[in-house]
PDB file of N, CA and C in Angstrom:
ATOM      1  N   UNK A   1       0.831  -1.202   0.000  1.00  0.00           N
ATOM      2  CA  UNK A   1       0.000   0.000   0.000  1.00  0.00           C
ATOM      3  C   UNK A   1       0.865   1.251   0.000  1.00  0.00           C
ATOM      4  N   UNK A   2       1.971   1.210   0.742  1.00  0.00           N
ATOM      5  CA  UNK A   2       2.830   2.388   0.797  1.00  0.00           C
ATOM      6  C   UNK A   2       3.386   2.718  -0.585  1.00  0.00           C
ATOM      7  N   UNK A   3       3.718   1.687  -1.361  1.00  0.00           N
ATOM      8  CA  UNK A   3       4.249   1.910  -2.700  1.00  0.00           C
ATOM      9  C   UNK A   3       3.233   2.641  -3.579  1.00  0.00           C
ATOM     10  N   UNK A   4       1.974   2.233  -3.510  1.00  0.00           N
ATOM     11  CA  UNK A   4       0.922   2.898  -4.289  1.00  0.00           C
ATOM     12  C   UNK A   4       0.769   4.356  -3.858  1.00  0.00           C
ATOM     13  N   UNK A   5       0.822   4.602  -2.556  1.00  0.00           N
ATOM     14  CA  UNK A   5       0.711   5.978  -2.059  1.00  0.00           C
ATOM     15  C   UNK A   5       1.902   6.811  -2.502  1.00  0.00           C
ATOM     16  N   UNK A   6       3.094   6.237  -2.478  1.00  0.00           N
ATOM     17  CA  UNK A   6       4.297   6.950  -2.900  1.00  0.00           C
ATOM     18  C   UNK A   6       4.214   7.299  -4.385  1.00  0.00           C
ATOM     19  N   UNK A   7       3.783   6.356  -5.203  1.00  0.00           N
ATOM     20  CA  UNK A   7       3.633   6.618  -6.633  1.00  0.00           C
ATOM     21  C   UNK A   7       2.579   7.693  -6.875  1.00  0.00           C
ATOM     22  N   UNK A   8       1.450   7.598  -6.174  1.00  0.00           N
ATOM     23  CA  UNK A   8       0.393   8.606  -6.290  1.00  0.00           C
ATOM     24  C   UNK A   8       0.944   9.989  -5.946  1.00  0.00           C
ATOM     25  N   UNK A   9       1.696  10.079  -4.863  1.00  0.00           N
ATOM     26  CA  UNK A   9       2.248  11.366  -4.421  1.00  0.00           C
ATOM     27  C   UNK A   9       3.242  11.920  -5.439  1.00  0.00           C
ATOM     28  N   UNK A  10       4.111  11.075  -5.952  1.00  0.00           N
ATOM     29  CA  UNK A  10       5.086  11.522  -6.950  1.00  0.00           C
ATOM     30  C   UNK A  10       4.402  11.976  -8.234  1.00  0.00           C
ATOM     31  N   UNK A  11       3.343  11.292  -8.624  1.00  0.00           N
ATOM     32  CA  UNK A  11       2.602  11.707  -9.813  1.00  0.00           C
ATOM     33  C   UNK A  11       1.907  13.053  -9.604  1.00  0.00           C
ATOM     34  N   UNK A  12       1.437  13.318  -8.402  1.00  0.00           N
ATOM     35  CA  UNK A  12       0.826  14.614  -8.116  1.00  0.00           C
ATOM     36  C   UNK A  12       1.862  15.733  -8.246  1.00  0.00           C
ATOM     37  N   UNK A  13       3.052  15.499  -7.713  1.00  0.00           N
ATOM     38  CA  UNK A  13       4.128  16.488  -7.808  1.00  0.00           C
ATOM     39  C   UNK A  13       4.547  16.679  -9.262  1.00  0.00           C
ATOM     40  N   UNK A  14       4.676  15.588 -10.007  1.00  0.00           N
ATOM     41  CA  UNK A  14       5.043  15.684 -11.425  1.00  0.00           C
ATOM     42  C   UNK A  14       3.980  16.451 -12.212  1.00  0.00           C
ATOM     43  N   UNK A  15       2.711  16.194 -11.913  1.00  0.00           N
ATOM     44  CA  UNK A  15       1.628  16.901 -12.597  1.00  0.00           C
ATOM     45  C   UNK A  15       1.667  18.393 -12.279  1.00  0.00           C
ATOM     46  N   UNK A  16       1.943  18.731 -11.046  1.00  0.00           N
ATOM     47  CA  UNK A  16       2.065  20.145 -10.664  1.00  0.00           C
ATOM     48  C   UNK A  16       3.182  20.804 -11.459  1.00  0.00           C
ATOM     49  N   UNK A  17       4.345  20.179 -11.502  1.00  0.00           N
ATOM     50  CA  UNK A  17       5.499  20.751 -12.202  1.00  0.00           C
ATOM     51  C   UNK A  17       5.252  20.910 -13.695  1.00  0.00           C
ATOM     52  N   UNK A  18       4.695  19.872 -14.325  1.00  0.00           N
ATOM     53  CA  UNK A  18       4.460  19.959 -15.761  1.00  0.00           C
ATOM     54  C   UNK A  18       3.358  20.961 -16.096  1.00  0.00           C
ATOM     55  N   UNK A  19       2.346  21.038 -15.253  1.00  0.00           N
ATOM     56  CA  UNK A  19       1.264  22.006 -15.497  1.00  0.00           C
ATOM     57  C   UNK A  19       1.781  23.434 -15.383  1.00  0.00           C
ATOM     58  N   UNK A  20       2.594  23.706 -14.376  1.00  0.00           N
ATOM     59  CA  UNK A  20       3.173  25.048 -14.235  1.00  0.00           C
ATOM     60  C   UNK A  20       4.051  25.369 -15.440  1.00  0.00           C
ATOM     61  N   UNK A  21       4.857  24.410 -15.883  1.00  0.00           N
ATOM     62  CA  UNK A  21       5.726  24.643 -17.046  1.00  0.00           C
ATOM     63  C   UNK A  21       4.903  24.957 -18.294  1.00  0.00           C
ATOM     64  N   UNK A  22       3.846  24.196 -18.523  1.00  0.00           N
ATOM     65  CA  UNK A  22       2.998  24.427 -19.696  1.00  0.00           C
ATOM     66  C   UNK A  22       2.289  25.776 -19.594  1.00  0.00           C
ATOM     67  N   UNK A  23       1.837  26.131 -18.398  1.00  0.00           N
ATOM     68  CA  UNK A  23       1.152  27.420 -18.229  1.00  0.00           C
ATOM     69  C   UNK A  23       2.114  28.581 -18.484  1.00  0.00           C
ATOM     70  N   UNK A  24       3.359  28.428 -18.132  1.00  0.00           N
ATOM     71  CA  UNK A  24       4.347  29.483 -18.396  1.00  0.00           C
ATOM     72  C   UNK A  24       4.621  29.641 -19.887  1.00  0.00           C
ATOM     73  N   UNK A  25       4.308  28.599 -20.658  1.00  0.00           N
ATOM     74  CA  UNK A  25       4.468  28.677 -22.114  1.00  0.00           C
ATOM     75  C   UNK A  25       3.176  29.104 -22.797  1.00  0.00           C
ATOM     76  N   UNK A  26       2.162  29.471 -22.006  1.00  0.00           N
ATOM     77  CA  UNK A  26       0.920  29.974 -22.581  1.00  0.00           C
ATOM     78  C   UNK A  26      -0.243  29.003 -22.537  1.00  0.00           C
ATOM     79  N   UNK A  27      -0.041  27.818 -21.996  1.00  0.00           N
ATOM     80  CA  UNK A  27      -1.121  26.844 -21.898  1.00  0.00           C
ATOM     81  C   UNK A  27      -2.116  27.225 -20.808  1.00  0.00           C
ATOM     82  N   UNK A  28      -3.252  26.548 -20.807  1.00  0.00           N
ATOM     83  CA  UNK A  28      -4.270  26.803 -19.789  1.00  0.00           C
ATOM     84  C   UNK A  28      -4.680  25.485 -19.138  1.00  0.00           C
ATOM     85  N   UNK A  29      -5.162  25.588 -17.932  1.00  0.00           N
ATOM     86  CA  UNK A  29      -5.661  24.416 -17.197  1.00  0.00           C
ATOM     87  C   UNK A  29      -7.052  24.072 -17.715  1.00  0.00           C
ATOM     88  N   UNK A  30      -7.272  22.808 -18.033  1.00  0.00           N
ATOM     89  CA  UNK A  30      -8.553  22.372 -18.579  1.00  0.00           C
ATOM     90  C   UNK A  30      -9.503  21.812 -17.528  1.00  0.00           C
ATOM     91  N   UNK A  31      -8.998  21.470 -16.353  1.00  0.00           N
ATOM     92  CA  UNK A  31      -9.845  20.910 -15.307  1.00  0.00           C
ATOM     93  C   UNK A  31     -10.691  22.034 -14.693  1.00  0.00           C
ATOM     94  N   UNK A  32     -12.020  21.956 -14.801  1.00  0.00           N
ATOM     95  CA  UNK A  32     -12.866  23.044 -14.294  1.00  0.00           C
ATOM     96  C   UNK A  32     -12.759  23.235 -12.777  1.00  0.00           C
ATOM     97  N   UNK A  33     -12.536  22.168 -12.033  1.00  0.00           N
ATOM     98  CA  UNK A  33     -12.391  22.321 -10.583  1.00  0.00           C
ATOM     99  C   UNK A  33     -11.117  23.078 -10.245  1.00  0.00           C
ATOM    100  N   UNK A  34     -10.047  22.762 -10.928  1.00  0.00           N
ATOM    101  CA  UNK A  34      -8.786  23.455 -10.693  1.00  0.00           C
ATOM    102  C   UNK A  34      -8.884  24.892 -11.196  1.00  0.00           C
ATOM    103  N   UNK A  35      -9.544  25.107 -12.310  1.00  0.00           N
ATOM    104  CA  UNK A  35      -9.743  26.471 -12.819  1.00  0.00           C
ATOM    105  C   UNK A  35     -10.448  27.337 -11.775  1.00  0.00           C
ATOM    106  N   UNK A  36     -11.411  26.759 -11.095  1.00  0.00           N
ATOM    107  CA  UNK A  36     -12.130  27.494 -10.057  1.00  0.00           C
ATOM    108  C   UNK A  36     -11.189  27.893  -8.920  1.00  0.00           C
ATOM    109  N   UNK A  37     -10.284  27.017  -8.557  1.00  0.00           N
ATOM    110  CA  UNK A  37      -9.338  27.312  -7.483  1.00  0.00           C
ATOM    111  C   UNK A  37      -8.280  28.330  -7.910  1.00  0.00           C
ATOM    112  N   UNK A  38      -8.066  28.468  -9.200  1.00  0.00           N
ATOM    113  CA  UNK A  38      -7.022  29.346  -9.698  1.00  0.00           C
ATOM    114  C   UNK A  38      -7.381  30.819  -9.636  1.00  0.00           C
ATOM    115  N   UNK A  39      -8.560  31.150  -9.124  1.00  0.00           N
ATOM    116  CA  UNK A  39      -8.907  32.566  -8.964  1.00  0.00           C
ATOM    117  C   UNK A  39      -8.003  33.224  -7.915  1.00  0.00           C
ATOM    118  N   UNK A  40      -7.411  32.439  -7.030  1.00  0.00           N
ATOM    119  CA  UNK A  40      -6.490  33.005  -6.030  1.00  0.00           C
ATOM    120  C   UNK A  40      -5.094  33.206  -6.608  1.00  0.00           C
ATOM    121  N   UNK A  41      -4.879  32.706  -7.804  1.00  0.00           N
ATOM    122  CA  UNK A  41      -3.586  32.780  -8.487  1.00  0.00           C
ATOM    123  C   UNK A  41      -3.333  31.450  -9.167  1.00  0.00           C
ATOM    124  N   UNK A  42      -2.722  31.470 -10.334  1.00  0.00           N
ATOM    125  CA  UNK A  42      -2.567  30.227 -11.083  1.00  0.00           C
ATOM    126  C   UNK A  42      -1.753  29.172 -10.322  1.00  0.00           C
ATOM    127  N   UNK A  43      -0.589  29.529  -9.836  1.00  0.00           N
ATOM    128  CA  UNK A  43       0.248  28.551  -9.137  1.00  0.00           C
ATOM    129  C   UNK A  43      -0.351  28.215  -7.776  1.00  0.00           C
ATOM    130  N   UNK A  44      -0.870  29.215  -7.099  1.00  0.00           N
ATOM    131  CA  UNK A  44      -1.478  28.981  -5.784  1.00  0.00           C
ATOM    132  C   UNK A  44      -2.675  28.033  -5.895  1.00  0.00           C
ATOM    133  N   UNK A  45      -3.482  28.223  -6.920  1.00  0.00           N
ATOM    134  CA  UNK A  45      -4.629  27.343  -7.130  1.00  0.00           C
ATOM    135  C   UNK A  45      -4.217  25.914  -7.427  1.00  0.00           C
ATOM    136  N   UNK A  46      -3.170  25.760  -8.228  1.00  0.00           N
ATOM    137  CA  UNK A  46      -2.659  24.420  -8.515  1.00  0.00           C
ATOM    138  C   UNK A  46      -2.117  23.760  -7.253  1.00  0.00           C
ATOM    139  N   UNK A  47      -1.379  24.527  -6.463  1.00  0.00           N
ATOM    140  CA  UNK A  47      -0.833  23.982  -5.216  1.00  0.00           C
ATOM    141  C   UNK A  47      -1.965  23.572  -4.285  1.00  0.00           C
ATOM    142  N   UNK A  48      -2.996  24.384  -4.204  1.00  0.00           N
ATOM    143  CA  UNK A  48      -4.145  24.047  -3.364  1.00  0.00           C
ATOM    144  C   UNK A  48      -4.827  22.771  -3.855  1.00  0.00           C
ATOM    145  N   UNK A  49      -4.994  22.636  -5.161  1.00  0.00           N
ATOM    146  CA  UNK A  49      -5.622  21.440  -5.718  1.00  0.00           C
ATOM    147  C   UNK A  49      -4.777  20.195  -5.445  1.00  0.00           C
ATOM    148  N   UNK A  50      -3.471  20.308  -5.606  1.00  0.00           N
ATOM    149  CA  UNK A  50      -2.592  19.166  -5.361  1.00  0.00           C
ATOM    150  C   UNK A  50      -2.523  18.837  -3.871  1.00  0.00           C
ATOM    151  N   UNK A  51      -2.563  19.851  -3.023  1.00  0.00           N
ATOM    152  CA  UNK A  51      -2.590  19.606  -1.577  1.00  0.00           C
ATOM    153  C   UNK A  51      -3.867  18.872  -1.187  1.00  0.00           C
ATOM    154  N   UNK A  52      -4.983  19.254  -1.798  1.00  0.00           N
ATOM    155  CA  UNK A  52      -6.250  18.574  -1.519  1.00  0.00           C
ATOM    156  C   UNK A  52      -6.186  17.121  -1.989  1.00  0.00           C
ATOM    157  N   UNK A  53      -5.623  16.897  -3.179  1.00  0.00           N
ATOM    158  CA  UNK A  53      -5.498  15.532  -3.695  1.00  0.00           C
ATOM    159  C   UNK A  53      -4.607  14.699  -2.784  1.00  0.00           C
ATOM    160  N   UNK A  54      -3.513  15.287  -2.317  1.00  0.00           N
ATOM    161  CA  UNK A  54      -2.626  14.558  -1.410  1.00  0.00           C
ATOM    162  C   UNK A  54      -3.298  14.287  -0.072  1.00  0.00           C
ATOM    163  N   UNK A  55      -4.100  15.229   0.405  1.00  0.00           N
ATOM    164  CA  UNK A  55      -4.826  15.022   1.667  1.00  0.00           C
ATOM    165  C   UNK A  55      -5.816  13.859   1.517  1.00  0.00           C
ATOM    166  N   UNK A  56      -6.491  13.804   0.398  1.00  0.00           N
ATOM    167  CA  UNK A  56      -7.399  12.678   0.133  1.00  0.00           C
ATOM    168  C   UNK A  56      -6.601  11.378   0.051  1.00  0.00           C
ATOM    169  N   UNK A  57      -5.430  11.447  -0.600  1.00  0.00           N
ATOM    170  CA  UNK A  57      -4.567  10.273  -0.679  1.00  0.00           C
ATOM    171  C   UNK A  57      -4.113   9.790   0.684  1.00  0.00           C
ATOM    172  N   UNK A  58      -3.775  10.720   1.571  1.00  0.00           N
ATOM    173  CA  UNK A  58      -3.388  10.358   2.942  1.00  0.00           C
ATOM    174  C   UNK A  58      -4.564   9.696   3.647  1.00  0.00           C
ATOM    175  N   UNK A  59      -5.756  10.245   3.462  1.00  0.00           N
ATOM    176  CA  UNK A  59      -6.942   9.655   4.068  1.00  0.00           C
ATOM    177  C   UNK A  59      -7.180   8.235   3.584  1.00  0.00           C
ATOM    178  N   UNK A  60      -7.014   8.023   2.284  1.00  0.00           N
ATOM    179  CA  UNK A  60      -7.177   6.675   1.727  1.00  0.00           C
ATOM    180  C   UNK A  60      -6.112   5.731   2.270  1.00  0.00           C
ATOM    181  N   UNK A  61      -4.890   6.224   2.370  1.00  0.00           N
ATOM    182  CA  UNK A  61      -3.801   5.409   2.892  1.00  0.00           C
ATOM    183  C   UNK A  61      -4.067   5.025   4.345  1.00  0.00           C
ATOM    184  N   UNK A  62      -4.467   5.992   5.159  1.00  0.00           N
ATOM    185  CA  UNK A  62      -4.723   5.742   6.581  1.00  0.00           C
ATOM    186  C   UNK A  62      -5.922   4.812   6.784  1.00  0.00           C
ATOM    187  N   UNK A  63      -6.903   4.887   5.883  1.00  0.00           N
ATOM    188  CA  UNK A  63      -8.086   4.051   5.987  1.00  0.00           C
ATOM    189  C   UNK A  63      -7.927   2.714   5.258  1.00  0.00           C
ATOM    190  N   UNK A  64      -6.741   2.473   4.723  1.00  0.00           N
ATOM    191  CA  UNK A  64      -6.444   1.235   3.975  1.00  0.00           C
ATOM    192  C   UNK A  64      -7.389   1.029   2.796  1.00  0.00           C
ATOM    193  N   UNK A  65      -7.716   2.103   2.116  1.00  0.00           N
ATOM    194  CA  UNK A  65      -8.563   2.035   0.911  1.00  0.00           C
ATOM    195  C   UNK A  65      -7.643   1.912  -0.307  1.00  0.00           C
ATOM    196  N   UNK A  66      -7.099   0.724  -0.508  1.00  0.00           N
ATOM    197  CA  UNK A  66      -6.095   0.491  -1.538  1.00  0.00           C
ATOM    198  C   UNK A  66      -6.579   0.827  -2.939  1.00  0.00           C
ATOM    199  N   UNK A  67      -7.780   0.495  -3.243  1.00  0.00           N
ATOM    200  CA  UNK A  67      -8.269   0.689  -4.616  1.00  0.00           C
ATOM    201  C   UNK A  67      -8.518   2.148  -4.941  1.00  0.00           C
ATOM    202  N   UNK A  68      -8.702   2.984  -3.929  1.00  0.00           N
ATOM    203  CA  UNK A  68      -8.965   4.399  -4.187  1.00  0.00           C
ATOM    204  C   UNK A  68      -7.727   5.109  -4.740  1.00  0.00           C
ATOM    205  N   UNK A  69      -6.574   4.628  -4.377  1.00  0.00           N
ATOM    206  CA  UNK A  69      -5.348   5.239  -4.894  1.00  0.00           C
ATOM    207  C   UNK A  69      -5.089   4.751  -6.300  1.00  0.00           C
TER     208      UNK A  69
END
């Protein structure tokens, strides 16, 4: 289970990094939920979305919900 959580966490960080890089080249975020969070700032909104995803991941890990990850 820890391996799945570690992979999930690394993928969240990778997604954050690649999304920021693409946005700096003029790209836009297509996820409507993340777009809503980006009203506080593009990078801040992404960080908030990834923090929420990681918090959910921690909850799944602590509750032993293997399939949710």
